[in-house]
Amino acid sequence: KKAEVFEWTGSSFEYTGSAIEPTVVLSGKSYETGVTVTGYEYYQGTTKLLSAPTQVGSYKVKVLYTSNNYTFTGYEQNYSIIEA
């Protein structure tokens, strides 16, 4: 059901030297379920990063969200930063 609510903006991004922050777009069903995105967490392997990555490599992003007064973490997407 989470996939019906969230759509990721991408899974592969060209290196720019700046932080790469894939985000989710809430679908129409999010309004029915009361979903609100509250933030994102970034990982390289199992290591949690302090901020969105800037270097070429493979990463994972987790979306933090609330739904009907409950807070959730864990809807995730793997993504990569590739050389331009």
PDB file of N, CA and C in Angstrom:
ATOM      1  N   LYS A   1       0.816  -1.197   0.000  1.00  0.00           N
ATOM      2  CA  LYS A   1       0.000   0.000   0.000  1.00  0.00           C
ATOM      3  C   LYS A   1       0.858   1.259   0.000  1.00  0.00           C
ATOM      4  N   LYS A   2       2.051   1.204   0.583  1.00  0.00           N
ATOM      5  CA  LYS A   2       2.898   2.390   0.609  1.00  0.00           C
ATOM      6  C   LYS A   2       3.237   2.853  -0.800  1.00  0.00           C
ATOM      7  N   ALA A   3       3.437   1.899  -1.718  1.00  0.00           N
ATOM      8  CA  ALA A   3       3.799   2.254  -3.085  1.00  0.00           C
ATOM      9  C   ALA A   3       2.691   3.054  -3.761  1.00  0.00           C
ATOM     10  N   GLU A   4       1.448   2.890  -3.326  1.00  0.00           N
ATOM     11  CA  GLU A   4       0.355   3.653  -3.907  1.00  0.00           C
ATOM     12  C   GLU A   4       0.385   5.102  -3.436  1.00  0.00           C
ATOM     13  N   VAL A   5       1.037   5.351  -2.313  1.00  0.00           N
ATOM     14  CA  VAL A   5       1.075   6.687  -1.726  1.00  0.00           C
ATOM     15  C   VAL A   5       2.308   7.455  -2.176  1.00  0.00           C
ATOM     16  N   PHE A   6       3.467   6.775  -2.250  1.00  0.00           N
ATOM     17  CA  PHE A   6       4.732   7.443  -2.546  1.00  0.00           C
ATOM     18  C   PHE A   6       5.236   7.120  -3.943  1.00  0.00           C
ATOM     19  N   GLU A   7       5.745   8.129  -4.617  1.00  0.00           N
ATOM     20  CA  GLU A   7       6.459   7.947  -5.881  1.00  0.00           C
ATOM     21  C   GLU A   7       7.784   8.678  -5.743  1.00  0.00           C
ATOM     22  N   TRP A   8       8.911   7.976  -5.945  1.00  0.00           N
ATOM     23  CA  TRP A   8      10.232   8.598  -5.826  1.00  0.00           C
ATOM     24  C   TRP A   8      10.552   9.436  -7.049  1.00  0.00           C
ATOM     25  N   THR A   9      11.328  10.507  -6.850  1.00  0.00           N
ATOM     26  CA  THR A   9      11.682  11.400  -7.954  1.00  0.00           C
ATOM     27  C   THR A   9      12.767  10.818  -8.854  1.00  0.00           C
ATOM     28  N   GLY A  10      13.412   9.739  -8.454  1.00  0.00           N
ATOM     29  CA  GLY A  10      14.424   9.112  -9.290  1.00  0.00           C
ATOM     30  C   GLY A  10      15.273   8.140  -8.512  1.00  0.00           C
ATOM     31  N   SER A  11      16.082   7.341  -9.242  1.00  0.00           N
ATOM     32  CA  SER A  11      16.953   6.389  -8.571  1.00  0.00           C
ATOM     33  C   SER A  11      18.403   6.482  -9.042  1.00  0.00           C
ATOM     34  N   SER A  12      18.666   7.331 -10.026  1.00  0.00           N
ATOM     35  CA  SER A  12      20.025   7.526 -10.511  1.00  0.00           C
ATOM     36  C   SER A  12      20.197   9.001 -10.858  1.00  0.00           C
ATOM     37  N   PHE A  13      21.238   9.609 -10.290  1.00  0.00           N
ATOM     38  CA  PHE A  13      21.450  11.039 -10.455  1.00  0.00           C
ATOM     39  C   PHE A  13      22.896  11.296 -10.837  1.00  0.00           C
ATOM     40  N   GLU A  14      23.130  12.269 -11.717  1.00  0.00           N
ATOM     41  CA  GLU A  14      24.491  12.617 -12.100  1.00  0.00           C
ATOM     42  C   GLU A  14      25.158  13.449 -11.009  1.00  0.00           C
ATOM     43  N   TYR A  15      26.442  13.177 -10.832  1.00  0.00           N
ATOM     44  CA  TYR A  15      27.263  13.915  -9.863  1.00  0.00           C
ATOM     45  C   TYR A  15      27.270  15.397 -10.218  1.00  0.00           C
ATOM     46  N   THR A  16      27.035  16.240  -9.207  1.00  0.00           N
ATOM     47  CA  THR A  16      27.052  17.693  -9.424  1.00  0.00           C
ATOM     48  C   THR A  16      27.978  18.399  -8.444  1.00  0.00           C
ATOM     49  N   GLY A  17      28.445  17.660  -7.424  1.00  0.00           N
ATOM     50  CA  GLY A  17      29.233  18.282  -6.376  1.00  0.00           C
ATOM     51  C   GLY A  17      28.362  18.776  -5.235  1.00  0.00           C
ATOM     52  N   SER A  18      27.067  18.809  -5.443  1.00  0.00           N
ATOM     53  CA  SER A  18      26.109  19.228  -4.418  1.00  0.00           C
ATOM     54  C   SER A  18      25.391  18.009  -3.844  1.00  0.00           C
ATOM     55  N   ALA A  19      24.720  18.190  -2.736  1.00  0.00           N
ATOM     56  CA  ALA A  19      23.949  17.108  -2.120  1.00  0.00           C
ATOM     57  C   ALA A  19      22.852  16.647  -3.079  1.00  0.00           C
ATOM     58  N   ILE A  20      22.706  15.339  -3.179  1.00  0.00           N
ATOM     59  CA  ILE A  20      21.650  14.752  -4.009  1.00  0.00           C
ATOM     60  C   ILE A  20      20.572  14.227  -3.070  1.00  0.00           C
ATOM     61  N   GLU A  21      19.377  14.777  -3.202  1.00  0.00           N
ATOM     62  CA  GLU A  21      18.286  14.454  -2.287  1.00  0.00           C
ATOM     63  C   GLU A  21      17.058  13.958  -3.037  1.00  0.00           C
ATOM     64  N   PRO A  22      16.995  12.650  -3.342  1.00  0.00           N
ATOM     65  CA  PRO A  22      15.762  12.164  -3.949  1.00  0.00           C
ATOM     66  C   PRO A  22      14.616  12.361  -2.960  1.00  0.00           C
ATOM     67  N   THR A  23      13.481  12.703  -3.465  1.00  0.00           N
ATOM     68  CA  THR A  23      12.332  12.937  -2.604  1.00  0.00           C
ATOM     69  C   THR A  23      11.150  12.135  -3.108  1.00  0.00           C
ATOM     70  N   VAL A  24      10.117  12.064  -2.308  1.00  0.00           N
ATOM     71  CA  VAL A  24       8.905  11.391  -2.733  1.00  0.00           C
ATOM     72  C   VAL A  24       7.838  12.416  -3.055  1.00  0.00           C
ATOM     73  N   VAL A  25       7.006  12.052  -3.992  1.00  0.00           N
ATOM     74  CA  VAL A  25       5.833  12.838  -4.331  1.00  0.00           C
ATOM     75  C   VAL A  25       4.644  12.048  -3.816  1.00  0.00           C
ATOM     76  N   LEU A  26       3.762  12.699  -3.100  1.00  0.00           N
ATOM     77  CA  LEU A  26       2.588  12.024  -2.570  1.00  0.00           C
ATOM     78  C   LEU A  26       1.532  11.914  -3.663  1.00  0.00           C
ATOM     79  N   SER A  27       1.004  10.713  -3.839  1.00  0.00           N
ATOM     80  CA  SER A  27      -0.045  10.519  -4.839  1.00  0.00           C
ATOM     81  C   SER A  27      -1.375  10.979  -4.266  1.00  0.00           C
ATOM     82  N   GLY A  28      -2.409  10.957  -5.077  1.00  0.00           N
ATOM     83  CA  GLY A  28      -3.734  11.367  -4.647  1.00  0.00           C
ATOM     84  C   GLY A  28      -4.246  10.590  -3.450  1.00  0.00           C
ATOM     85  N   LYS A  29      -3.837   9.330  -3.319  1.00  0.00           N
ATOM     86  CA  LYS A  29      -4.307   8.502  -2.214  1.00  0.00           C
ATOM     87  C   LYS A  29      -3.776   8.998  -0.872  1.00  0.00           C
ATOM     88  N   SER A  30      -2.691   9.772  -0.883  1.00  0.00           N
ATOM     89  CA  SER A  30      -2.137  10.236   0.384  1.00  0.00           C
ATOM     90  C   SER A  30      -3.132  11.104   1.140  1.00  0.00           C
ATOM     91  N   TYR A  31      -3.937  11.817   0.403  1.00  0.00           N
ATOM     92  CA  TYR A  31      -4.923  12.673   1.064  1.00  0.00           C
ATOM     93  C   TYR A  31      -5.994  11.840   1.752  1.00  0.00           C
ATOM     94  N   GLU A  32      -6.300  10.687   1.179  1.00  0.00           N
ATOM     95  CA  GLU A  32      -7.277   9.790   1.784  1.00  0.00           C
ATOM     96  C   GLU A  32      -6.718   9.134   3.037  1.00  0.00           C
ATOM     97  N   THR A  33      -5.409   8.885   3.063  1.00  0.00           N
ATOM     98  CA  THR A  33      -4.801   8.184   4.192  1.00  0.00           C
ATOM     99  C   THR A  33      -4.199   9.139   5.212  1.00  0.00           C
ATOM    100  N   GLY A  34      -4.202  10.437   4.934  1.00  0.00           N
ATOM    101  CA  GLY A  34      -3.679  11.414   5.883  1.00  0.00           C
ATOM    102  C   GLY A  34      -2.177  11.379   6.037  1.00  0.00           C
ATOM    103  N   VAL A  35      -1.451  11.089   4.967  1.00  0.00           N
ATOM    104  CA  VAL A  35       0.012  10.971   5.025  1.00  0.00           C
ATOM    105  C   VAL A  35       0.671  12.341   4.888  1.00  0.00           C
ATOM    106  N   THR A  36       1.661  12.611   5.755  1.00  0.00           N
ATOM    107  CA  THR A  36       2.471  13.820   5.673  1.00  0.00           C
ATOM    108  C   THR A  36       3.937  13.428   5.784  1.00  0.00           C
ATOM    109  N   VAL A  37       4.754  13.823   4.808  1.00  0.00           N
ATOM    110  CA  VAL A  37       6.196  13.554   4.860  1.00  0.00           C
ATOM    111  C   VAL A  37       6.823  14.531   5.849  1.00  0.00           C
ATOM    112  N   THR A  38       7.632  13.984   6.792  1.00  0.00           N
ATOM    113  CA  THR A  38       8.254  14.831   7.808  1.00  0.00           C
ATOM    114  C   THR A  38       9.766  14.947   7.638  1.00  0.00           C
ATOM    115  N   GLY A  39      10.371  14.122   6.772  1.00  0.00           N
ATOM    116  CA  GLY A  39      11.808  14.215   6.551  1.00  0.00           C
ATOM    117  C   GLY A  39      12.362  12.977   5.885  1.00  0.00           C
ATOM    118  N   TYR A  40      13.696  12.938   5.749  1.00  0.00           N
ATOM    119  CA  TYR A  40      14.397  11.839   5.088  1.00  0.00           C
ATOM    120  C   TYR A  40      15.642  11.473   5.872  1.00  0.00           C
ATOM    121  N   GLU A  41      16.038  10.200   5.795  1.00  0.00           N
ATOM    122  CA  GLU A  41      17.309   9.721   6.345  1.00  0.00           C
ATOM    123  C   GLU A  41      18.095   9.101   5.202  1.00  0.00           C
ATOM    124  N   TYR A  42      19.416   9.303   5.205  1.00  0.00           N
ATOM    125  CA  TYR A  42      20.287   8.819   4.138  1.00  0.00           C
ATOM    126  C   TYR A  42      21.292   7.830   4.704  1.00  0.00           C
ATOM    127  N   TYR A  43      21.572   6.764   3.946  1.00  0.00           N
ATOM    128  CA  TYR A  43      22.483   5.708   4.377  1.00  0.00           C
ATOM    129  C   TYR A  43      23.437   5.345   3.252  1.00  0.00           C
ATOM    130  N   GLN A  44      24.659   4.981   3.641  1.00  0.00           N
ATOM    131  CA  GLN A  44      25.596   4.338   2.734  1.00  0.00           C
ATOM    132  C   GLN A  44      25.869   2.990   3.360  1.00  0.00           C
ATOM    133  N   GLY A  45      25.360   1.936   2.739  1.00  0.00           N
ATOM    134  CA  GLY A  45      25.375   0.620   3.378  1.00  0.00           C
ATOM    135  C   GLY A  45      24.476   0.678   4.600  1.00  0.00           C
ATOM    136  N   THR A  46      25.010   0.302   5.759  1.00  0.00           N
ATOM    137  CA  THR A  46      24.225   0.369   6.994  1.00  0.00           C
ATOM    138  C   THR A  46      24.559   1.607   7.826  1.00  0.00           C
ATOM    139  N   THR A  47      25.452   2.449   7.299  1.00  0.00           N
ATOM    140  CA  THR A  47      25.868   3.651   8.025  1.00  0.00           C
ATOM    141  C   THR A  47      24.937   4.821   7.724  1.00  0.00           C
ATOM    142  N   LYS A  48      24.337   5.371   8.776  1.00  0.00           N
ATOM    143  CA  LYS A  48      23.470   6.538   8.606  1.00  0.00           C
ATOM    144  C   LYS A  48      24.339   7.770   8.396  1.00  0.00           C
ATOM    145  N   LEU A  49      24.016   8.540   7.361  1.00  0.00           N
ATOM    146  CA  LEU A  49      24.768   9.751   7.046  1.00  0.00           C
ATOM    147  C   LEU A  49      24.149  10.953   7.761  1.00  0.00           C
ATOM    148  N   LEU A  50      24.960  11.949   8.033  1.00  0.00           N
ATOM    149  CA  LEU A  50      24.473  13.144   8.712  1.00  0.00           C
ATOM    150  C   LEU A  50      23.624  14.024   7.797  1.00  0.00           C
ATOM    151  N   SER A  51      23.825  13.883   6.481  1.00  0.00           N
ATOM    152  CA  SER A  51      23.066  14.674   5.509  1.00  0.00           C
ATOM    153  C   SER A  51      23.056  13.931   4.179  1.00  0.00           C
ATOM    154  N   ALA A  52      22.378  14.488   3.207  1.00  0.00           N
ATOM    155  CA  ALA A  52      22.323  13.875   1.881  1.00  0.00           C
ATOM    156  C   ALA A  52      23.726  13.793   1.283  1.00  0.00           C
ATOM    157  N   PRO A  53      24.048  12.693   0.594  1.00  0.00           N
ATOM    158  CA  PRO A  53      25.402  12.520   0.050  1.00  0.00           C
ATOM    159  C   PRO A  53      25.698  13.436  -1.132  1.00  0.00           C
ATOM    160  N   THR A  54      27.000  13.682  -1.330  1.00  0.00           N
ATOM    161  CA  THR A  54      27.448  14.532  -2.431  1.00  0.00           C
ATOM    162  C   THR A  54      28.358  13.785  -3.402  1.00  0.00           C
ATOM    163  N   GLN A  55      28.881  12.626  -2.999  1.00  0.00           N
ATOM    164  CA  GLN A  55      29.885  11.914  -3.792  1.00  0.00           C
ATOM    165  C   GLN A  55      29.277  10.779  -4.617  1.00  0.00           C
ATOM    166  N   VAL A  56      29.995  10.395  -5.685  1.00  0.00           N
ATOM    167  CA  VAL A  56      29.594   9.256  -6.506  1.00  0.00           C
ATOM    168  C   VAL A  56      29.525   8.011  -5.620  1.00  0.00           C
ATOM    169  N   GLY A  57      28.469   7.223  -5.761  1.00  0.00           N
ATOM    170  CA  GLY A  57      28.336   5.993  -4.977  1.00  0.00           C
ATOM    171  C   GLY A  57      26.894   5.521  -4.917  1.00  0.00           C
ATOM    172  N   SER A  58      26.675   4.463  -4.131  1.00  0.00           N
ATOM    173  CA  SER A  58      25.345   3.883  -3.955  1.00  0.00           C
ATOM    174  C   SER A  58      24.841   4.194  -2.556  1.00  0.00           C
ATOM    175  N   TYR A  59      23.589   4.569  -2.467  1.00  0.00           N
ATOM    176  CA  TYR A  59      23.008   5.018  -1.215  1.00  0.00           C
ATOM    177  C   TYR A  59      21.588   4.480  -1.047  1.00  0.00           C
ATOM    178  N   LYS A  60      21.048   4.709   0.136  1.00  0.00           N
ATOM    179  CA  LYS A  60      19.658   4.382   0.410  1.00  0.00           C
ATOM    180  C   LYS A  60      19.055   5.591   1.118  1.00  0.00           C
ATOM    181  N   VAL A  61      17.828   5.916   0.762  1.00  0.00           N
ATOM    182  CA  VAL A  61      17.105   6.998   1.426  1.00  0.00           C
ATOM    183  C   VAL A  61      15.831   6.412   2.021  1.00  0.00           C
ATOM    184  N   LYS A  62      15.524   6.806   3.255  1.00  0.00           N
ATOM    185  CA  LYS A  62      14.284   6.406   3.917  1.00  0.00           C
ATOM    186  C   LYS A  62      13.434   7.644   4.120  1.00  0.00           C
ATOM    187  N   VAL A  63      12.153   7.503   3.864  1.00  0.00           N
ATOM    188  CA  VAL A  63      11.240   8.618   4.093  1.00  0.00           C
ATOM    189  C   VAL A  63      10.640   8.479   5.490  1.00  0.00           C
ATOM    190  N   LEU A  64      10.560   9.587   6.192  1.00  0.00           N
ATOM    191  CA  LEU A  64       9.920   9.639   7.500  1.00  0.00           C
ATOM    192  C   LEU A  64       8.560  10.286   7.280  1.00  0.00           C
ATOM    193  N   TYR A  65       7.518   9.694   7.814  1.00  0.00           N
ATOM    194  CA  TYR A  65       6.197  10.251   7.564  1.00  0.00           C
ATOM    195  C   TYR A  65       5.227   9.938   8.690  1.00  0.00           C
ATOM    196  N   THR A  66       4.163  10.691   8.729  1.00  0.00           N
ATOM    197  CA  THR A  66       3.092  10.446   9.677  1.00  0.00           C
ATOM    198  C   THR A  66       1.839  10.064   8.889  1.00  0.00           C
ATOM    199  N   SER A  67       1.009   9.257   9.508  1.00  0.00           N
ATOM    200  CA  SER A  67      -0.254   8.860   8.900  1.00  0.00           C
ATOM    201  C   SER A  67      -1.253   8.625  10.014  1.00  0.00           C
ATOM    202  N   ASN A  68      -2.304   9.396   9.997  1.00  0.00           N
ATOM    203  CA  ASN A  68      -3.351   9.254  11.013  1.00  0.00           C
ATOM    204  C   ASN A  68      -2.781   9.263  12.426  1.00  0.00           C
ATOM    205  N   ASN A  69      -1.915  10.263  12.697  1.00  0.00           N
ATOM    206  CA  ASN A  69      -1.328  10.487  14.028  1.00  0.00           C
ATOM    207  C   ASN A  69      -0.290   9.448  14.445  1.00  0.00           C
ATOM    208  N   TYR A  70       0.181   8.590  13.536  1.00  0.00           N
ATOM    209  CA  TYR A  70       1.258   7.652  13.820  1.00  0.00           C
ATOM    210  C   TYR A  70       2.478   8.084  13.018  1.00  0.00           C
ATOM    211  N   THR A  71       3.669   7.904  13.593  1.00  0.00           N
ATOM    212  CA  THR A  71       4.903   8.254  12.902  1.00  0.00           C
ATOM    213  C   THR A  71       5.575   6.979  12.396  1.00  0.00           C
ATOM    214  N   PHE A  72       6.042   7.005  11.142  1.00  0.00           N
ATOM    215  CA  PHE A  72       6.653   5.835  10.522  1.00  0.00           C
ATOM    216  C   PHE A  72       8.025   6.180   9.960  1.00  0.00           C
ATOM    217  N   THR A  73       8.888   5.197   9.912  1.00  0.00           N
ATOM    218  CA  THR A  73      10.173   5.291   9.231  1.00  0.00           C
ATOM    219  C   THR A  73      10.321   3.986   8.467  1.00  0.00           C
ATOM    220  N   GLY A  74      10.982   3.996   7.356  1.00  0.00           N
ATOM    221  CA  GLY A  74      11.302   2.726   6.751  1.00  0.00           C
ATOM    222  C   GLY A  74      10.912   2.548   5.312  1.00  0.00           C
ATOM    223  N   TYR A  75      10.048   3.395   4.762  1.00  0.00           N
ATOM    224  CA  TYR A  75       9.797   3.271   3.331  1.00  0.00           C
ATOM    225  C   TYR A  75      11.050   3.778   2.648  1.00  0.00           C
ATOM    226  N   GLU A  76      11.716   2.912   1.895  1.00  0.00           N
ATOM    227  CA  GLU A  76      13.053   3.259   1.408  1.00  0.00           C
ATOM    228  C   GLU A  76      13.234   3.002  -0.070  1.00  0.00           C
ATOM    229  N   GLN A  77      14.279   3.630  -0.601  1.00  0.00           N
ATOM    230  CA  GLN A  77      14.622   3.510  -2.013  1.00  0.00           C
ATOM    231  C   GLN A  77      16.139   3.521  -2.126  1.00  0.00           C
ATOM    232  N   ASN A  78      16.687   2.599  -2.902  1.00  0.00           N
ATOM    233  CA  ASN A  78      18.114   2.644  -3.215  1.00  0.00           C
ATOM    234  C   ASN A  78      18.303   3.618  -4.364  1.00  0.00           C
ATOM    235  N   TYR A  79      19.416   4.330  -4.347  1.00  0.00           N
ATOM    236  CA  TYR A  79      19.721   5.214  -5.451  1.00  0.00           C
ATOM    237  C   TYR A  79      21.219   5.350  -5.596  1.00  0.00           C
ATOM    238  N   SER A  80      21.627   5.911  -6.719  1.00  0.00           N
ATOM    239  CA  SER A  80      23.055   6.072  -6.969  1.00  0.00           C
ATOM    240  C   SER A  80      23.342   7.456  -7.516  1.00  0.00           C
ATOM    241  N   ILE A  81      24.567   7.892  -7.238  1.00  0.00           N
ATOM    242  CA  ILE A  81      25.105   9.101  -7.841  1.00  0.00           C
ATOM    243  C   ILE A  81      26.182   8.612  -8.794  1.00  0.00           C
ATOM    244  N   ILE A  82      26.051   8.978 -10.066  1.00  0.00           N
ATOM    245  CA  ILE A  82      26.975   8.482 -11.087  1.00  0.00           C
ATOM    246  C   ILE A  82      27.814   9.640 -11.640  1.00  0.00           C
ATOM    247  N   GLU A  83      28.947   9.287 -12.219  1.00  0.00           N
ATOM    248  CA  GLU A  83      29.823  10.316 -12.789  1.00  0.00           C
ATOM    249  C   GLU A  83      29.126  10.977 -13.978  1.00  0.00           C
ATOM    250  N   ALA A  84      29.317  12.266 -14.097  1.00  0.00           N
ATOM    251  CA  ALA A  84      28.678  13.031 -15.188  1.00  0.00           C
ATOM    252  C   ALA A  84      29.360  12.728 -16.499  1.00  0.00           C
TER     253      ALA A  84
END
